[in-house]
C-alpha atoms as a PDB file:
ATOM      1  CA  MET A   1     -61.323  46.425   1.806  1.00  0.00           C
ATOM      2  CA  LYS A   2     -57.588  46.212   1.721  1.00  0.00           C
ATOM      3  CA  ASN A   3     -57.590  44.828   5.244  1.00  0.00           C
ATOM      4  CA  LEU A   4     -60.172  42.230   4.347  1.00  0.00           C
ATOM      5  CA  LEU A   5     -58.209  41.075   1.300  1.00  0.00           C
ATOM      6  CA  SER A   6     -54.940  40.909   3.197  1.00  0.00           C
ATOM      7  CA  ALA A   7     -56.597  39.002   6.083  1.00  0.00           C
ATOM      8  CA  LEU A   8     -58.175  36.550   3.643  1.00  0.00           C
ATOM      9  CA  PHE A   9     -54.826  36.064   1.915  1.00  0.00           C
ATOM     10  CA  MET A  10     -53.093  35.410   5.260  1.00  0.00           C
ATOM     11  CA  VAL A  11     -55.724  32.878   6.333  1.00  0.00           C
ATOM     12  CA  SER A  12     -55.517  31.002   3.019  1.00  0.00           C
ATOM     13  CA  LEU A  13     -51.742  31.004   3.240  1.00  0.00           C
ATOM     14  CA  LEU A  14     -51.888  29.661   6.798  1.00  0.00           C
ATOM     15  CA  LEU A  15     -54.351  26.915   5.823  1.00  0.00           C
ATOM     16  CA  ALA A  16     -52.219  25.888   2.859  1.00  0.00           C
ATOM     17  CA  ALA A  17     -49.072  25.750   4.965  1.00  0.00           C
ATOM     18  CA  CYS A  18     -50.623  23.788   7.843  1.00  0.00           C
ATOM     19  CA  SER A  19     -52.560  21.252   5.795  1.00  0.00           C
ATOM     20  CA  LYS A  20     -51.361  17.608   5.836  1.00  0.00           C
ATOM     21  CA  LYS A  21     -49.663  16.553   2.666  1.00  0.00           C
ATOM     22  CA  GLU A  22     -48.971  12.912   1.801  1.00  0.00           C
ATOM     23  CA  THR A  23     -45.840  12.100  -0.084  1.00  0.00           C
ATOM     24  CA  PRO A  24     -46.457   9.544  -2.838  1.00  0.00           C
ATOM     25  CA  GLY A  25     -43.236   7.579  -2.191  1.00  0.00           C
ATOM     26  CA  PHE A  26     -43.609   7.197   1.570  1.00  0.00           C
ATOM     27  CA  ALA A  27     -45.460   3.856   1.444  1.00  0.00           C
ATOM     28  CA  ASN A  28     -42.804   2.388  -0.851  1.00  0.00           C
ATOM     29  CA  GLU A  29     -39.978   3.363   1.502  1.00  0.00           C
ATOM     30  CA  GLN A  30     -41.542   1.472   4.418  1.00  0.00           C
ATOM     31  CA  ASP A  31     -41.560  -1.808   2.464  1.00  0.00           C
ATOM     32  CA  VAL A  32     -37.785  -1.742   2.005  1.00  0.00           C
ATOM     33  CA  LYS A  33     -36.010  -4.175   4.328  1.00  0.00           C
ATOM     34  CA  VAL A  34     -33.125  -2.709   6.227  1.00  0.00           C
ATOM     35  CA  HIS A  35     -29.831  -4.594   5.823  1.00  0.00           C
ATOM     36  CA  TYR A  36     -27.193  -4.041   8.470  1.00  0.00           C
ATOM     37  CA  ASP A  37     -23.608  -4.573   7.389  1.00  0.00           C
ATOM     38  CA  THR A  38     -21.955  -5.108  10.743  1.00  0.00           C
ATOM     39  CA  ALA A  39     -20.149  -8.211  11.906  1.00  0.00           C
ATOM     40  CA  ALA A  40     -21.141  -7.910  15.565  1.00  0.00           C
ATOM     41  CA  ILE A  41     -24.549  -8.979  16.853  1.00  0.00           C
ATOM     42  CA  ASP A  42     -25.280  -5.547  18.224  1.00  0.00           C
ATOM     43  CA  SER A  43     -24.173  -2.912  15.737  1.00  0.00           C
ATOM     44  CA  PHE A  44     -23.962  -0.303  18.470  1.00  0.00           C
ATOM     45  CA  SER A  45     -21.753  -2.317  20.797  1.00  0.00           C
ATOM     46  CA  ALA A  46     -18.187  -1.270  21.565  1.00  0.00           C
ATOM     47  CA  GLY A  47     -16.553  -3.934  19.382  1.00  0.00           C
ATOM     48  CA  ALA A  48     -18.814  -3.645  16.341  1.00  0.00           C
ATOM     49  CA  THR A  49     -16.920  -3.404  13.068  1.00  0.00           C
ATOM     50  CA  SER A  50     -18.363  -2.908   9.626  1.00  0.00           C
ATOM     51  CA  ILE A  51     -18.063  -5.880   7.258  1.00  0.00           C
ATOM     52  CA  ASP A  52     -16.523  -3.614   4.626  1.00  0.00           C
ATOM     53  CA  ILE A  53     -13.893  -2.457   7.092  1.00  0.00           C
ATOM     54  CA  VAL A  54     -13.147  -6.046   8.135  1.00  0.00           C
ATOM     55  CA  ARG A  55     -12.750  -6.994   4.474  1.00  0.00           C
ATOM     56  CA  GLN A  56     -10.417  -4.039   3.885  1.00  0.00           C
ATOM     57  CA  ILE A  57      -8.338  -5.007   6.914  1.00  0.00           C
ATOM     58  CA  ARG A  58      -8.025  -8.588   5.671  1.00  0.00           C
ATOM     59  CA  MET A  59      -7.145  -7.461   2.168  1.00  0.00           C
ATOM     60  CA  SER A  60      -4.642  -4.920   3.378  1.00  0.00           C
ATOM     61  CA  SER A  61      -3.019  -7.400   5.716  1.00  0.00           C
ATOM     62  CA  GLN A  62      -2.757  -9.937   2.881  1.00  0.00           C
ATOM     63  CA  LYS A  63      -1.287  -7.234   0.652  1.00  0.00           C
ATOM     64  CA  TYR A  64       1.098  -6.317   3.437  1.00  0.00           C
ATOM     65  CA  GLN A  65       2.179  -9.938   3.872  1.00  0.00           C
ATOM     66  CA  ASP A  66       2.679 -10.278   0.117  1.00  0.00           C
ATOM     67  CA  SER A  67       4.718  -7.104  -0.023  1.00  0.00           C
ATOM     68  CA  VAL A  68       6.865  -8.273   2.905  1.00  0.00           C
ATOM     69  CA  LYS A  69       7.513 -11.584   1.130  1.00  0.00           C
ATOM     70  CA  GLU A  70       8.418  -9.756  -2.070  1.00  0.00           C
ATOM     71  CA  ALA A  71      10.776  -7.474  -0.165  1.00  0.00           C
ATOM     72  CA  LEU A  72      12.482 -10.482   1.440  1.00  0.00           C
ATOM     73  CA  LYS A  73      12.855 -12.167  -1.953  1.00  0.00           C
ATOM     74  CA  LEU A  74      14.373  -9.033  -3.437  1.00  0.00           C
ATOM     75  CA  GLN A  75      16.716  -8.665  -0.487  1.00  0.00           C
ATOM     76  CA  LYS A  76      17.899 -12.280  -0.824  1.00  0.00           C
ATOM     77  CA  GLU A  77      18.446 -11.827  -4.552  1.00  0.00           C
ATOM     78  CA  GLU A  78      20.472  -8.676  -3.922  1.00  0.00           C
ATOM     79  CA  GLN A  79      22.586 -10.496  -1.336  1.00  0.00           C
ATOM     80  CA  LYS A  80      23.220 -13.350  -3.786  1.00  0.00           C
ATOM     81  CA  LEU A  81      24.225 -10.890  -6.489  1.00  0.00           C
ATOM     82  CA  LYS A  82      26.559  -9.077  -4.090  1.00  0.00           C
ATOM     83  CA  GLU A  83      28.158 -12.346  -3.022  1.00  0.00           C
ATOM     84  CA  GLU A  84      28.663 -13.383  -6.643  1.00  0.00           C
ATOM     85  CA  LEU A  85      30.198 -10.002  -7.450  1.00  0.00           C
ATOM     86  CA  GLU A  86      32.517 -10.276  -4.446  1.00  0.00           C
ATOM     87  CA  LYS A  87      33.614 -13.765  -5.535  1.00  0.00           C
ATOM     88  CA  GLU A  88      34.269 -12.558  -9.071  1.00  0.00           C
ATOM     89  CA  ASN A  89      36.217  -9.570  -7.757  1.00  0.00           C
ATOM     90  CA  LYS A  90      38.303 -11.828  -5.510  1.00  0.00           C
ATOM     91  CA  LYS A  91      39.045 -14.151  -8.435  1.00  0.00           C
ATOM     92  CA  LYS A  92      40.065 -11.216 -10.612  1.00  0.00           C
ATOM     93  CA  GLN A  93      42.311  -9.834  -7.868  1.00  0.00           C
ATOM     94  CA  GLU A  94      43.938 -13.226  -7.363  1.00  0.00           C
ATOM     95  CA  GLU A  95      44.518 -13.585 -11.105  1.00  0.00           C
ATOM     96  CA  GLU A  96      46.015 -10.091 -11.241  1.00  0.00           C
ATOM     97  CA  LYS A  97      48.282 -10.918  -8.285  1.00  0.00           C
ATOM     98  CA  LYS A  98      49.395 -14.117  -9.996  1.00  0.00           C
ATOM     99  CA  LYS A  99      50.088 -12.231 -13.218  1.00  0.00           C
ATOM    100  CA  THR A 100      52.056  -9.539 -11.447  1.00  0.00           C
ATOM    101  CA  GLU A 101      54.047 -12.139  -9.494  1.00  0.00           C
ATOM    102  CA  ALA A 102      54.740 -14.070 -12.702  1.00  0.00           C
ATOM    103  CA  GLU A 103      55.864 -10.853 -14.408  1.00  0.00           C
ATOM    104  CA  LYS A 104      58.138 -10.029 -11.472  1.00  0.00           C
ATOM    105  CA  LYS A 105      59.674 -13.490 -11.599  1.00  0.00           C
ATOM    106  CA  GLN A 106      60.233 -13.180 -15.343  1.00  0.00           C
ATOM    107  CA  LYS A 107      61.796  -9.760 -14.918  1.00  0.00           C
ATOM    108  CA  ASN A 108      64.006 -11.048 -12.120  1.00  0.00           C
ATOM    109  CA  SER A 109      65.130 -14.039 -14.185  1.00  0.00           C
ATOM    110  CA  ASP A 110      65.605 -11.993 -17.363  1.00  0.00           C
ATOM    111  CA  ALA A 111      67.382  -9.091 -15.632  1.00  0.00           C
ATOM    112  CA  PRO A 112      71.182  -9.284 -15.184  1.00  0.00           C
ATOM    113  CA  PRO A 113      72.467  -9.726 -11.645  1.00  0.00           C
ATOM    114  CA  ALA A 114      72.703  -6.455  -9.766  1.00  0.00           C
ATOM    115  CA  ASN A 115      76.131  -7.216  -8.185  1.00  0.00           C
ATOM    116  CA  GLY A 116      77.891  -6.763 -11.537  1.00  0.00           C
ATOM    117  CA  THR A 117      79.141 -10.319 -12.132  1.00  0.00           C
ATOM    118  CA  GLU A 118      78.184 -11.984 -15.372  1.00  0.00           C
END
């Protein structure tokens, strides 16, 4: 009896496992149109590139160009500032030289002669 029950259980298990089952959403999935997002005619060809990747390349290259332009602008501004600072420093040095020369001349004219004749 035990053998009969176990054999019957195995057969029913086998029938349940091997029976065809339809999935309810399978028919709906076939109606969906497939959209390929590649720029090349044949998406499996050697030069095929995804549209998203092409867009990212274009955006990144535009960003790169913008960043290069910004860097050049900043560099030019820094050079202008350095040149202005150098000009100001030169003017200050010239003024200081003129002041020191004027002071020396005043000291020389105010000071008594060094040879001892007055």
